[in-house]
N, C-alpha and C. Protein backbone atom coordinates (compact mmCIF):
# COMPACT_ATOMS: atom_id res chain seq x y z
N MET A 1 25.91 45.21 -9.99
CA MET A 1 24.60 44.73 -10.24
C MET A 1 24.36 43.38 -9.77
N ARG A 2 23.27 43.04 -9.09
CA ARG A 2 22.79 41.71 -9.17
C ARG A 2 22.20 40.71 -9.66
N ASN A 3 23.06 39.84 -9.52
CA ASN A 3 22.53 38.38 -10.43
C ASN A 3 21.85 37.77 -9.53
N ASP A 4 20.49 37.67 -10.54
CA ASP A 4 19.26 37.52 -9.93
C ASP A 4 18.88 35.50 -10.47
N PHE A 5 19.72 35.37 -11.18
CA PHE A 5 19.90 34.12 -11.21
C PHE A 5 20.22 33.00 -9.96
N ALA A 6 21.61 33.75 -9.96
CA ALA A 6 22.32 32.80 -8.94
C ALA A 6 21.31 33.06 -7.56
N ALA A 7 21.06 34.41 -7.26
CA ALA A 7 20.26 34.57 -5.88
C ALA A 7 19.51 33.77 -6.03
N GLY A 8 18.49 32.97 -7.07
CA GLY A 8 17.52 32.20 -6.79
C GLY A 8 17.97 30.75 -7.29
N PHE A 9 18.86 30.41 -7.59
CA PHE A 9 19.53 29.19 -7.67
C PHE A 9 20.28 28.71 -6.45
N MET A 10 20.87 29.03 -5.87
CA MET A 10 21.60 28.65 -4.89
C MET A 10 21.26 28.04 -3.91
N PRO A 11 19.96 28.84 -3.27
CA PRO A 11 19.59 28.29 -2.34
C PRO A 11 18.28 27.16 -2.52
N ALA A 12 18.24 27.04 -3.63
CA ALA A 12 17.35 25.95 -4.54
C ALA A 12 18.50 24.60 -4.34
N ILE A 13 19.81 24.70 -4.77
CA ILE A 13 20.56 23.64 -4.72
C ILE A 13 20.72 23.44 -3.43
N LEU A 14 20.95 24.49 -2.55
CA LEU A 14 21.53 24.13 -1.07
C LEU A 14 20.46 23.26 -0.40
N THR A 15 19.12 23.74 -0.54
CA THR A 15 17.83 22.94 -0.46
C THR A 15 17.80 21.31 -0.84
N GLY A 16 17.74 20.92 -1.92
CA GLY A 16 17.94 20.09 -2.78
C GLY A 16 19.30 19.48 -1.71
N ALA A 17 20.59 19.53 -1.53
CA ALA A 17 21.60 19.06 -1.06
C ALA A 17 21.12 18.65 0.37
N GLY A 18 20.52 19.58 1.09
CA GLY A 18 19.65 19.08 2.55
C GLY A 18 19.12 17.90 2.56
N ALA A 19 18.01 17.87 1.56
CA ALA A 19 16.93 16.78 1.46
C ALA A 19 17.77 15.97 1.41
N ALA A 20 18.99 15.75 0.38
CA ALA A 20 19.30 14.30 -0.14
C ALA A 20 20.29 14.04 1.12
N PHE A 21 21.35 14.82 1.56
CA PHE A 21 21.49 14.81 3.21
C PHE A 21 20.48 13.67 4.63
N GLU A 22 19.59 14.10 4.57
CA GLU A 22 18.67 14.27 5.45
C GLU A 22 17.75 12.70 5.06
N ALA A 23 18.15 12.23 3.54
CA ALA A 23 17.25 11.26 3.00
C ALA A 23 18.28 10.19 3.35
N VAL A 24 19.71 10.65 3.23
CA VAL A 24 20.31 9.34 3.66
C VAL A 24 20.62 8.86 5.09
N ALA A 25 20.71 10.13 5.88
CA ALA A 25 20.71 10.30 7.32
C ALA A 25 19.80 9.52 7.94
N LEU A 26 18.73 9.50 7.35
CA LEU A 26 17.28 9.18 7.62
C LEU A 26 17.48 7.54 7.64
N LEU A 27 18.04 6.80 6.39
CA LEU A 27 17.90 5.35 6.00
C LEU A 27 19.47 4.86 7.06
N PHE A 28 20.05 5.89 7.23
CA PHE A 28 21.15 4.96 7.85
C PHE A 28 20.45 4.69 9.28
N PHE A 29 19.93 5.80 9.87
CA PHE A 29 19.51 5.66 11.01
C PHE A 29 18.28 4.68 11.24
N THR A 30 17.39 4.42 10.53
CA THR A 30 16.64 3.45 10.15
C THR A 30 16.95 1.96 10.13
N VAL A 31 17.78 1.87 9.01
CA VAL A 31 18.58 0.81 8.98
C VAL A 31 19.64 0.21 10.62
N LEU A 32 20.23 1.19 11.23
CA LEU A 32 20.85 0.61 12.24
C LEU A 32 19.82 0.26 13.57
N LEU A 33 18.81 1.37 13.36
CA LEU A 33 17.69 0.84 14.44
C LEU A 33 17.15 -0.31 14.15
N SER A 34 16.86 -0.69 13.14
CA SER A 34 16.30 -2.10 12.87
C SER A 34 17.03 -3.21 13.30
N THR A 35 18.51 -3.25 12.37
CA THR A 35 19.61 -3.84 12.96
C THR A 35 19.43 -4.35 14.57
N ILE A 36 19.74 -3.05 15.34
CA ILE A 36 19.34 -3.55 17.17
C ILE A 36 18.35 -4.07 17.73
N PHE A 37 17.08 -3.64 17.19
CA PHE A 37 15.90 -4.25 17.83
C PHE A 37 15.55 -5.61 16.81
N GLY A 38 16.16 -6.05 15.83
CA GLY A 38 16.31 -7.41 15.07
C GLY A 38 17.32 -8.11 16.48
N ALA A 39 18.34 -7.79 16.48
CA ALA A 39 19.26 -8.46 17.47
C ALA A 39 18.60 -9.01 18.76
N VAL A 40 17.80 -7.42 19.34
CA VAL A 40 16.87 -7.85 20.52
C VAL A 40 16.03 -8.98 20.46
N THR A 41 15.17 -8.54 19.33
CA THR A 41 14.43 -9.42 19.17
C THR A 41 14.44 -11.03 18.65
N GLY A 42 16.07 -10.94 18.25
CA GLY A 42 16.39 -12.34 18.08
C GLY A 42 16.87 -13.44 19.11
N PHE A 43 17.40 -12.58 20.15
CA PHE A 43 17.63 -13.04 21.47
C PHE A 43 16.43 -13.58 22.38
N VAL A 44 15.92 -12.44 22.36
CA VAL A 44 14.56 -13.21 23.24
C VAL A 44 13.53 -14.07 22.02
N ALA A 45 13.60 -14.03 20.84
CA ALA A 45 12.86 -15.00 20.53
C ALA A 45 13.85 -16.44 20.58
N GLY A 46 15.15 -16.37 20.50
CA GLY A 46 15.74 -17.65 20.73
C GLY A 46 15.68 -18.15 22.17
N LEU A 47 15.23 -17.66 23.03
CA LEU A 47 15.09 -18.25 24.33
C LEU A 47 13.42 -19.54 24.38
N PHE A 48 12.93 -18.88 23.45
CA PHE A 48 11.62 -19.92 23.32
C PHE A 48 11.54 -20.53 22.39
N PHE A 49 11.83 -19.99 21.23
CA PHE A 49 11.78 -21.08 20.01
C PHE A 49 13.25 -21.30 18.54
N GLU A 50 14.38 -21.26 19.64
CA GLU A 50 15.13 -21.61 19.08
C GLU A 50 15.29 -22.67 18.00
N GLN A 51 14.79 -23.60 18.50
CA GLN A 51 14.80 -24.95 17.43
C GLN A 51 13.77 -24.89 16.45
N THR A 52 12.98 -23.98 16.58
CA THR A 52 11.85 -23.59 15.12
C THR A 52 12.59 -22.73 14.43
N ILE A 53 13.26 -22.16 14.51
CA ILE A 53 13.49 -21.03 14.10
C ILE A 53 14.69 -21.57 12.88
N ARG A 54 15.79 -21.86 13.59
CA ARG A 54 16.92 -23.35 13.16
C ARG A 54 16.11 -23.80 12.26
N GLY A 55 15.15 -24.63 12.53
CA GLY A 55 14.76 -25.91 11.46
C GLY A 55 14.54 -25.15 10.18
N PHE A 56 13.27 -23.68 10.70
CA PHE A 56 12.84 -23.56 9.34
C PHE A 56 13.78 -22.35 8.26
N LEU A 57 15.00 -21.97 9.02
CA LEU A 57 15.76 -21.69 8.10
C LEU A 57 16.82 -22.89 7.65
N GLY A 58 16.76 -24.00 8.19
CA GLY A 58 17.46 -24.80 7.65
C GLY A 58 16.80 -25.79 6.47
N ALA A 59 15.38 -25.26 6.54
CA ALA A 59 14.48 -26.03 5.49
C ALA A 59 15.05 -25.31 4.46
N LEU A 60 14.77 -23.67 4.34
CA LEU A 60 15.04 -23.02 3.32
C LEU A 60 16.65 -23.04 2.79
N GLY A 61 17.47 -23.60 3.51
CA GLY A 61 18.72 -23.80 2.58
C GLY A 61 19.83 -23.13 3.59
N ALA A 62 19.57 -22.31 4.72
CA ALA A 62 20.47 -21.40 5.45
C ALA A 62 20.95 -22.57 6.27
N ASP A 63 22.67 -22.50 6.31
CA ASP A 63 23.14 -23.09 7.97
C ASP A 63 23.63 -21.94 8.85
N THR A 64 22.90 -22.76 10.10
CA THR A 64 22.95 -21.39 10.54
C THR A 64 23.68 -21.75 11.94
N SER A 65 24.23 -22.82 12.35
CA SER A 65 24.62 -23.52 13.34
C SER A 65 25.40 -22.52 14.01
N TYR A 66 26.12 -22.43 12.89
CA TYR A 66 27.94 -21.31 13.72
C TYR A 66 26.83 -19.95 14.16
N LEU A 67 25.99 -19.16 13.79
CA LEU A 67 25.21 -18.00 14.50
C LEU A 67 24.99 -18.46 15.79
N ALA A 68 24.60 -16.88 16.48
CA ALA A 68 23.93 -17.21 17.69
C ALA A 68 22.51 -16.77 16.95
N MET A 69 21.71 -16.85 17.95
CA MET A 69 20.29 -16.14 17.90
C MET A 69 20.37 -14.98 17.56
N TRP A 70 20.95 -14.40 18.11
CA TRP A 70 21.47 -12.73 18.00
C TRP A 70 21.53 -12.07 16.61
N GLN A 71 22.56 -12.96 16.22
CA GLN A 71 23.40 -12.76 15.18
C GLN A 71 21.99 -12.82 14.27
N ILE A 72 21.28 -13.86 14.18
CA ILE A 72 20.37 -14.51 13.06
C ILE A 72 19.17 -12.70 13.28
N GLY A 73 19.04 -12.86 14.22
CA GLY A 73 18.20 -11.45 14.42
C GLY A 73 18.69 -10.30 13.93
N ALA A 74 19.72 -9.96 14.19
CA ALA A 74 20.58 -8.76 13.68
C ALA A 74 21.01 -8.60 12.06
N GLY A 75 21.09 -9.92 11.74
CA GLY A 75 21.02 -9.75 10.01
C GLY A 75 19.58 -9.81 9.27
N LEU A 76 18.70 -10.35 10.16
CA LEU A 76 17.44 -10.10 9.47
C LEU A 76 16.86 -8.55 9.67
N GLY A 77 17.01 -8.10 10.76
CA GLY A 77 16.82 -6.83 11.02
C GLY A 77 17.24 -5.71 9.92
N PHE A 78 18.32 -6.08 9.85
CA PHE A 78 19.61 -4.91 8.53
C PHE A 78 18.78 -5.09 7.36
N LEU A 79 18.25 -6.80 6.93
CA LEU A 79 17.83 -6.73 5.35
C LEU A 79 16.38 -5.87 5.70
N ALA A 80 15.70 -6.18 6.57
CA ALA A 80 14.65 -5.46 7.19
C ALA A 80 14.46 -4.22 6.80
N GLY A 81 15.45 -3.69 7.32
CA GLY A 81 15.66 -1.76 7.02
C GLY A 81 15.30 -1.47 6.16
N PHE A 82 15.60 -2.23 5.22
CA PHE A 82 15.81 -1.75 3.82
C PHE A 82 14.34 -1.57 3.21
N PHE A 83 13.45 -2.27 3.74
CA PHE A 83 11.94 -2.90 2.68
C PHE A 83 11.24 -2.25 4.04
N ARG A 84 10.39 -1.08 3.77
CA ARG A 84 9.80 -0.34 4.45
C ARG A 84 8.07 -0.07 3.47
N SER A 85 7.06 -0.70 4.40
CA SER A 85 6.23 -0.08 3.46
C SER A 85 5.98 1.51 3.56
N PRO A 86 5.46 2.11 2.41
CA PRO A 86 5.24 3.55 3.02
C PRO A 86 3.47 3.73 3.96
N SER A 87 3.97 4.75 3.98
CA SER A 87 2.80 5.32 5.16
C SER A 87 1.75 5.74 4.29
N THR A 88 0.31 5.53 4.46
CA THR A 88 -0.67 5.35 3.96
C THR A 88 -1.60 6.39 4.61
N GLY A 89 -0.95 7.00 5.76
CA GLY A 89 -1.94 8.27 6.29
C GLY A 89 -3.33 7.39 6.53
N GLY A 90 -4.38 8.91 7.00
CA GLY A 90 -5.56 8.37 6.92
C GLY A 90 -6.55 7.83 5.96
N GLN A 91 -6.98 6.63 6.07
CA GLN A 91 -7.76 5.78 4.99
C GLN A 91 -9.33 6.16 5.66
N ALA A 92 -10.26 6.46 4.38
CA ALA A 92 -11.58 6.56 4.68
C ALA A 92 -12.06 5.41 4.60
């Protein structure tokens, strides 16, 4: 005798587990890419605007004298990786 409840319920559990795994993997890779892009951007911005960026962060109360500009960019990119705006799609 076949159990129809288990036949319909198990694929739903596996689908939910797969979606949860994909969401965690997507979050991980998004934050990783954001950190890498932040480090590169911090390095490039540091070539031209190091004094300005350090002065601004110092005015906010952050002591960044012991950090390289790429490290500041990587840290800011890591934090920004968790804050994404939702996609709005096509607006009328």
